[in-house]
Amino acid sequence: MSQPVSHKVDGLTRFRVDFAYDGTDYTGWAKQPGLKTVQGDLLAAMTTIFGPTENDFGMRIAGRTDAGVHAANQVAHVDLSDAQLKRLGRNPNVVARLNHMMSEAIRIHEFKPAASGFDARFSAIYRRYRYQISDNFAQKDPKQMRYVLNLTYALDPVAMNEAAQLLLGLNDFASFCKTRAGATTIRDLKRIKVRRNSQNIIEIELKADAFCHNMVRSIVGALIAVGAGKANQADLKRTLERAKRVETYKTVEPKGLTLIEIGYPADSRLGIQAERSRARRTLDEA
């Protein structure tokens, strides 16, 4: 890692961290006392390299994940002081050092100086998730058991995909979210597609500006009901329009869910996007 030349935040140098993890054995992303979490393991390794921290290195994540959820391309940022950077000494390869210290369930892809205005969470313009289901048409693969939901009955992915299109656009997804105080449930679902891949695994891919808590797994549960013939498009539309959390459909297990991608605008617009996102957050909490 070369010495950074850009983006200072309150006198600290901001770094972008791109990484992946298998969430099976973790109690989610966020550190929790006495529990094994992705953030906890990452902070422990970073502390070994950069020394103690009082604020978790200002770490912020693009898409917080629950227990058992995986990430193929997660993004975070951290802010480091000059004193912390000096601790790198003659071995500045942070990626190799972090990967050596952590279990193979977490792999760092990049650790680099962030572009000006970059905020891992607020600069993001979309998040993309994929949920995988193995129904009774799929040949069970033991290597995939940690990453797919296994069902003993058949689903109709065509019916599921047709129904899914009713959810597109800017909507109040309160019916599919666990509400949190001061948080909006209005989201812009930009893309949703259901298909059966070449291994006969059903893939549900969703792309939105952001997702509220349990939104993806609740939507998948509703689409499974459609695919199994237990619900139809009219039922799904009524649930969306109700805009109130009800346990009509089962929230599916986390193991089939993977964060696939975090999207960002061009570097010149990172700061503008971050300010817009913060402004919306402030309005939501007002």
Protein backbone atom coordinates (compact mmCIF):
# COMPACT_ATOMS: atom_id res chain seq x y z
CA MET A 1 0.00 0.00 0.00
CA SER A 2 1.53 3.30 -1.04
CA GLN A 3 1.37 6.30 1.28
CA PRO A 4 -1.92 8.15 0.81
CA VAL A 5 -2.01 11.55 -0.84
CA SER A 6 -5.71 12.38 -0.65
CA HIS A 7 -8.93 12.79 1.34
CA LYS A 8 -8.40 13.96 4.89
CA VAL A 9 -11.37 13.97 7.27
CA ASP A 10 -10.82 16.01 10.45
CA GLY A 11 -7.09 15.55 10.02
CA LEU A 12 -7.35 11.78 9.48
CA THR A 13 -6.72 9.88 6.25
CA ARG A 14 -9.75 7.98 4.97
CA PHE A 15 -9.33 4.54 3.46
CA ARG A 16 -11.78 2.43 1.47
CA VAL A 17 -11.88 -1.26 2.38
CA ASP A 18 -13.38 -3.80 -0.05
CA PHE A 19 -13.92 -7.28 1.32
CA ALA A 20 -16.03 -10.44 1.37
CA TYR A 21 -17.18 -12.85 4.03
CA ASP A 22 -19.00 -16.09 4.70
CA GLY A 23 -21.52 -15.09 7.35
CA THR A 24 -22.46 -18.61 8.45
CA ASP A 25 -20.56 -18.60 11.74
CA TYR A 26 -20.95 -14.90 12.52
CA THR A 27 -23.60 -13.12 14.58
CA GLY A 28 -23.95 -10.50 11.86
CA TRP A 29 -21.76 -7.57 10.91
CA ALA A 30 -21.87 -5.24 13.93
CA LYS A 31 -19.60 -5.92 16.89
CA GLN A 32 -21.34 -7.19 20.02
CA PRO A 33 -19.75 -7.99 23.39
CA GLY A 34 -19.01 -11.68 23.76
CA LEU A 35 -20.20 -12.59 20.26
CA LYS A 36 -18.31 -13.46 17.08
CA THR A 37 -19.03 -10.79 14.45
CA VAL A 38 -17.44 -9.72 11.18
CA GLN A 39 -16.72 -6.21 12.43
CA GLY A 40 -15.30 -7.56 15.67
CA ASP A 41 -12.78 -9.77 13.85
CA LEU A 42 -11.83 -6.99 11.43
CA LEU A 43 -11.32 -4.47 14.25
CA ALA A 44 -9.18 -6.94 16.19
CA ALA A 45 -6.88 -7.43 13.20
CA MET A 46 -6.69 -3.71 12.46
CA THR A 47 -5.83 -2.97 16.09
CA THR A 48 -2.89 -5.37 15.85
CA ILE A 49 -1.56 -3.39 12.89
CA PHE A 50 -2.49 0.20 13.72
CA GLY A 51 -2.69 0.16 17.52
CA PRO A 52 -5.58 0.80 19.90
CA THR A 53 -8.61 2.83 18.84
CA GLU A 54 -11.24 4.66 20.88
CA ASN A 55 -13.75 4.96 18.04
CA ASP A 56 -13.30 1.75 16.00
CA PHE A 57 -11.20 3.73 13.48
CA GLY A 58 -14.37 5.60 12.50
CA MET A 59 -15.43 2.45 10.63
CA ARG A 60 -18.63 2.72 8.61
CA ILE A 61 -20.16 -0.02 6.49
CA ALA A 62 -22.09 0.28 3.22
CA GLY A 63 -24.62 -2.46 3.91
CA ARG A 64 -25.07 -3.87 7.40
CA THR A 65 -25.85 -7.60 7.32
CA ASP A 66 -27.62 -9.85 9.83
CA ALA A 67 -26.44 -13.11 11.34
CA GLY A 68 -25.83 -15.77 8.69
CA VAL A 69 -25.90 -13.38 5.72
CA HIS A 70 -22.91 -13.39 3.34
CA ALA A 71 -21.16 -10.67 1.35
CA ALA A 72 -19.32 -11.09 -1.95
CA ASN A 73 -18.49 -7.38 -2.28
CA GLN A 74 -18.86 -5.37 0.91
CA VAL A 75 -17.41 -1.86 1.37
CA ALA A 76 -16.37 0.04 4.48
CA HIS A 77 -14.29 3.09 5.27
CA VAL A 78 -11.89 3.77 8.12
CA ASP A 79 -10.09 6.96 9.22
CA LEU A 80 -6.46 6.67 10.33
CA SER A 81 -4.15 9.16 12.01
CA ASP A 82 -0.58 9.83 10.90
CA ALA A 83 0.62 8.09 14.07
CA GLN A 84 -1.41 4.99 13.23
CA LEU A 85 -0.07 4.96 9.67
CA LYS A 86 3.51 5.13 10.93
CA ARG A 87 2.96 1.80 12.64
CA LEU A 88 2.96 0.15 9.21
CA GLY A 89 6.75 0.37 9.27
CA ARG A 90 8.51 -1.46 6.49
CA ASN A 91 5.58 -3.74 5.69
CA PRO A 92 2.80 -1.54 4.23
CA ASN A 93 0.87 -4.44 2.64
CA VAL A 94 -2.26 -4.09 4.76
CA VAL A 95 -4.33 -6.50 2.63
CA ALA A 96 -1.89 -9.38 3.10
CA ARG A 97 -1.43 -8.66 6.80
CA LEU A 98 -5.14 -8.51 7.56
CA ASN A 99 -5.86 -11.69 5.59
CA HIS A 100 -3.05 -13.48 7.42
CA MET A 101 -4.49 -12.52 10.81
CA MET A 102 -8.15 -13.31 10.16
CA SER A 103 -9.92 -16.58 9.43
CA GLU A 104 -10.54 -17.50 5.81
CA ALA A 105 -14.22 -16.65 6.33
CA ILE A 106 -13.23 -12.98 5.78
CA ARG A 107 -11.09 -11.90 2.83
CA ILE A 108 -9.88 -8.34 2.24
CA HIS A 109 -9.76 -7.46 -1.46
CA GLU A 110 -8.54 -3.85 -1.30
CA PHE A 111 -7.39 -1.36 1.32
CA LYS A 112 -6.67 1.95 -0.40
CA PRO A 113 -6.88 5.72 0.12
CA ALA A 114 -10.45 6.87 -0.49
CA ALA A 115 -11.37 9.45 -3.11
CA SER A 116 -12.35 12.88 -1.85
CA GLY A 117 -15.88 12.99 -0.42
CA PHE A 118 -16.16 9.20 -0.12
CA ASP A 119 -18.41 7.78 2.59
CA ALA A 120 -18.96 4.01 2.38
CA ARG A 121 -22.57 4.30 3.50
CA PHE A 122 -23.84 7.67 2.38
CA SER A 123 -22.04 7.86 -0.98
CA ALA A 124 -23.65 4.61 -2.16
CA ILE A 125 -26.38 4.91 -4.80
CA TYR A 126 -27.53 1.29 -4.72
CA ARG A 127 -27.12 -2.09 -3.04
CA ARG A 128 -27.60 -5.39 -4.86
CA TYR A 129 -28.49 -8.67 -3.14
CA ARG A 130 -29.03 -12.22 -4.37
CA TYR A 131 -31.04 -14.95 -2.68
CA GLN A 132 -30.62 -18.60 -3.73
CA ILE A 133 -33.16 -21.39 -3.35
CA SER A 134 -32.84 -25.09 -4.02
CA ASP A 135 -36.27 -26.61 -4.63
CA ASN A 136 -37.00 -30.23 -5.53
CA PHE A 137 -35.89 -29.70 -9.17
CA ALA A 138 -32.33 -28.98 -8.05
CA GLN A 139 -29.76 -31.67 -7.39
CA LYS A 140 -28.58 -31.14 -3.80
CA ASP A 141 -24.92 -30.09 -3.63
CA PRO A 142 -23.31 -30.40 -0.19
CA LYS A 143 -20.85 -27.63 -1.09
CA GLN A 144 -23.76 -25.21 -1.51
CA MET A 145 -25.72 -26.07 1.62
CA ARG A 146 -24.37 -23.05 3.52
CA TYR A 147 -25.48 -20.65 0.78
CA VAL A 148 -28.90 -21.80 -0.40
CA LEU A 149 -32.33 -22.27 1.13
CA ASN A 150 -33.36 -25.90 0.72
CA LEU A 151 -37.01 -26.67 0.00
CA THR A 152 -38.65 -30.05 -0.47
CA TYR A 153 -41.31 -28.80 -2.88
CA ALA A 154 -41.30 -27.24 -6.35
CA LEU A 155 -41.49 -23.53 -7.15
CA ASP A 156 -42.56 -21.73 -10.30
CA PRO A 157 -39.90 -19.04 -10.96
CA VAL A 158 -41.89 -17.59 -13.88
CA ALA A 159 -44.88 -16.86 -11.65
CA MET A 160 -42.52 -15.51 -9.00
CA ASN A 161 -40.82 -13.17 -11.45
CA GLU A 162 -44.12 -11.85 -12.81
CA ALA A 163 -45.38 -11.10 -9.31
CA ALA A 164 -42.07 -9.52 -8.29
CA GLN A 165 -42.44 -6.78 -10.90
CA LEU A 166 -45.37 -5.36 -8.90
CA LEU A 167 -42.87 -4.29 -6.24
CA LEU A 168 -40.72 -2.14 -8.53
CA GLY A 169 -40.36 1.59 -8.01
CA LEU A 170 -40.61 3.97 -5.08
CA ASN A 171 -42.88 2.39 -2.44
CA ASP A 172 -43.44 2.18 1.27
CA PHE A 173 -42.17 -1.32 2.10
CA ALA A 174 -43.36 -1.27 5.72
CA SER A 175 -45.22 -4.54 5.09
CA PHE A 176 -41.88 -6.22 4.40
CA CYS A 177 -39.67 -4.51 7.00
CA LYS A 178 -38.94 -4.63 10.68
CA THR A 179 -39.48 -0.99 11.52
CA ARG A 180 -36.92 0.96 13.54
CA ALA A 181 -37.63 4.18 15.43
CA GLY A 182 -36.95 7.22 13.25
CA ALA A 183 -36.20 5.15 10.13
CA THR A 184 -38.16 5.38 6.90
CA THR A 185 -39.47 2.29 5.11
CA ILE A 186 -39.75 4.07 1.76
CA ARG A 187 -37.35 2.53 -0.72
CA ASP A 188 -36.75 2.67 -4.47
CA LEU A 189 -36.63 -0.92 -5.74
CA LYS A 190 -34.85 -0.50 -9.06
CA ARG A 191 -34.66 -4.12 -10.19
CA ILE A 192 -35.95 -7.52 -9.15
CA LYS A 193 -35.54 -10.68 -11.18
CA VAL A 194 -36.31 -14.33 -10.47
CA ARG A 195 -34.78 -17.07 -12.62
CA ARG A 196 -33.64 -20.67 -12.50
CA ASN A 197 -29.91 -20.91 -13.29
CA SER A 198 -28.01 -23.65 -15.10
CA GLN A 199 -27.63 -25.62 -11.84
CA ASN A 200 -31.43 -25.49 -11.33
CA ILE A 201 -30.96 -23.09 -8.39
CA ILE A 202 -33.58 -20.35 -8.23
CA GLU A 203 -31.93 -16.95 -7.93
CA ILE A 204 -33.76 -13.83 -6.80
CA GLU A 205 -31.77 -10.66 -7.43
CA LEU A 206 -32.82 -7.31 -5.98
CA LYS A 207 -31.33 -3.86 -6.48
CA ALA A 208 -32.45 -0.76 -4.56
CA ASP A 209 -31.13 2.53 -3.25
CA ALA A 210 -31.17 0.85 0.16
CA PHE A 211 -33.00 -1.92 2.00
CA CYS A 212 -34.70 -1.70 5.38
CA HIS A 213 -34.28 -4.39 8.03
CA ASN A 214 -35.42 -7.85 6.84
CA MET A 215 -36.83 -6.39 3.61
CA VAL A 216 -35.08 -8.80 1.23
CA ARG A 217 -35.84 -11.94 3.22
CA SER A 218 -39.47 -10.90 3.70
CA ILE A 219 -39.94 -10.25 -0.02
CA VAL A 220 -38.36 -13.63 -0.81
CA GLY A 221 -40.77 -15.29 1.61
CA ALA A 222 -43.72 -13.71 -0.19
CA LEU A 223 -42.39 -14.75 -3.61
CA ILE A 224 -41.93 -18.32 -2.39
CA ALA A 225 -45.62 -18.34 -1.45
CA VAL A 226 -46.43 -17.22 -5.00
CA GLY A 227 -44.10 -19.82 -6.52
CA ALA A 228 -45.70 -22.56 -4.43
CA GLY A 229 -49.20 -21.54 -5.49
CA LYS A 230 -50.18 -20.37 -2.00
CA ALA A 231 -50.49 -16.70 -3.03
CA ASN A 232 -50.99 -14.72 -6.23
CA GLN A 233 -50.15 -11.31 -7.66
CA ALA A 234 -53.24 -9.70 -6.14
CA ASP A 235 -52.24 -10.97 -2.69
CA LEU A 236 -48.74 -9.54 -3.08
CA LYS A 237 -50.06 -6.17 -4.23
CA ARG A 238 -52.45 -5.97 -1.28
CA THR A 239 -49.61 -6.72 1.11
CA LEU A 240 -47.49 -3.93 -0.36
CA GLU A 241 -50.34 -1.42 -0.30
CA ARG A 242 -51.15 -2.25 3.32
CA ALA A 243 -47.86 -0.54 4.30
CA LYS A 244 -48.00 -2.18 7.71
CA ARG A 245 -45.95 -5.08 8.99
CA VAL A 246 -47.96 -8.31 9.12
CA GLU A 247 -46.75 -11.90 9.36
CA THR A 248 -48.60 -13.01 6.24
CA TYR A 249 -45.50 -14.62 4.73
CA LYS A 250 -42.57 -16.34 6.36
CA THR A 251 -39.30 -14.42 6.57
CA VAL A 252 -36.81 -16.86 5.06
CA GLU A 253 -33.55 -18.06 6.58
CA PRO A 254 -30.52 -15.77 6.18
CA LYS A 255 -28.14 -18.37 4.73
CA GLY A 256 -29.41 -18.01 1.15
CA LEU A 257 -28.73 -14.26 1.09
CA THR A 258 -25.57 -12.61 -0.25
CA LEU A 259 -24.70 -8.95 -0.68
CA ILE A 260 -23.42 -8.88 -4.25
CA GLU A 261 -22.55 -5.26 -4.99
CA ILE A 262 -22.46 -1.70 -3.65
CA GLY A 263 -22.81 0.94 -6.35
CA TYR A 264 -21.18 4.38 -6.21
CA PRO A 265 -21.29 7.40 -8.53
CA ALA A 266 -18.22 8.85 -10.25
CA ASP A 267 -15.55 10.14 -7.85
CA SER A 268 -16.50 13.73 -8.64
CA ARG A 269 -20.00 13.11 -7.21
CA LEU A 270 -19.16 11.06 -4.12
CA GLY A 271 -19.36 14.03 -1.76
CA ILE A 272 -22.57 15.37 -3.33
CA GLN A 273 -24.26 11.99 -3.00
CA ALA A 274 -23.13 11.66 0.61
CA GLU A 275 -24.59 15.06 1.52
CA ARG A 276 -27.89 14.22 -0.14
CA SER A 277 -28.12 10.92 1.71
CA ARG A 278 -27.33 12.55 5.04
CA ALA A 279 -29.96 15.22 4.41
CA ARG A 280 -32.61 12.55 3.74
CA ARG A 281 -31.58 10.71 6.91
CA THR A 282 -31.95 13.93 8.92
CA LEU A 283 -35.45 14.52 7.52
CA ASP A 284 -36.46 10.94 8.30
CA GLU A 285 -35.41 11.34 11.92
CA ALA A 286 -36.98 14.80 12.38
